[in-house]
Amino acid sequence: MSIIAAMLFAIYAVIGGVSTVFLTVSLPAIIIWKVYRKVKFNKALTA
């Protein structure tokens, strides 16, 4: 395997890992935030 292929593999692995961590953290946070607003301020969950 050439050095360029190894570098591309490493870059794609980092990009994939960052996006996976972002989605894993942000989706539950958004759901929790919406439920919090519903309970505290009686706002709609869809807004």
Protein backbone atom coordinates (compact mmCIF):
# COMPACT_ATOMS: atom_id res chain seq x y z
CA MET A 1 0.00 0.00 0.00
CA SER A 2 1.44 3.36 -0.94
CA ILE A 3 1.92 6.17 1.54
CA ILE A 4 -0.72 8.32 -0.17
CA ALA A 5 -3.32 5.57 0.16
CA ALA A 6 -2.47 5.20 3.85
CA MET A 7 -2.79 8.95 4.39
CA LEU A 8 -6.17 9.04 2.62
CA PHE A 9 -7.35 6.12 4.73
CA ALA A 10 -6.32 7.94 7.91
CA ILE A 11 -8.04 11.17 6.83
CA TYR A 12 -11.27 9.36 5.96
CA ALA A 13 -11.17 7.49 9.27
CA VAL A 14 -10.85 10.76 11.21
CA ILE A 15 -13.65 12.41 9.23
CA GLY A 16 -15.93 9.42 9.78
CA GLY A 17 -15.13 9.27 13.47
CA VAL A 18 -15.80 12.97 14.01
CA SER A 19 -19.14 12.87 12.23
CA THR A 20 -20.19 9.75 14.15
CA VAL A 21 -19.32 11.33 17.51
CA PHE A 22 -21.14 14.53 16.55
CA LEU A 23 -24.33 12.67 15.63
CA THR A 24 -24.13 10.44 18.69
CA VAL A 25 -23.89 13.46 21.00
CA SER A 26 -26.13 15.97 19.23
CA LEU A 27 -29.25 13.88 18.57
CA PRO A 28 -29.89 12.92 22.23
CA ALA A 29 -29.03 16.48 23.28
CA ILE A 30 -31.65 17.91 20.93
CA ILE A 31 -34.28 15.47 22.18
CA ILE A 32 -33.48 16.26 25.82
CA TRP A 33 -33.56 20.01 25.07
CA LYS A 34 -36.98 19.72 23.42
CA VAL A 35 -38.41 17.73 26.33
CA TYR A 36 -36.96 20.27 28.78
CA ARG A 37 -38.62 23.14 26.89
CA LYS A 38 -41.90 21.21 26.80
CA VAL A 39 -41.87 20.66 30.56
CA LYS A 40 -40.59 24.07 31.64
CA PHE A 41 -42.18 26.43 29.08
CA ASN A 42 -45.02 24.26 27.69
CA LYS A 43 -43.74 24.69 24.13
CA ALA A 44 -44.50 22.26 21.30
CA LEU A 45 -42.02 19.47 20.69
CA THR A 46 -42.12 20.09 16.94
CA ALA A 47 -41.25 23.79 17.00
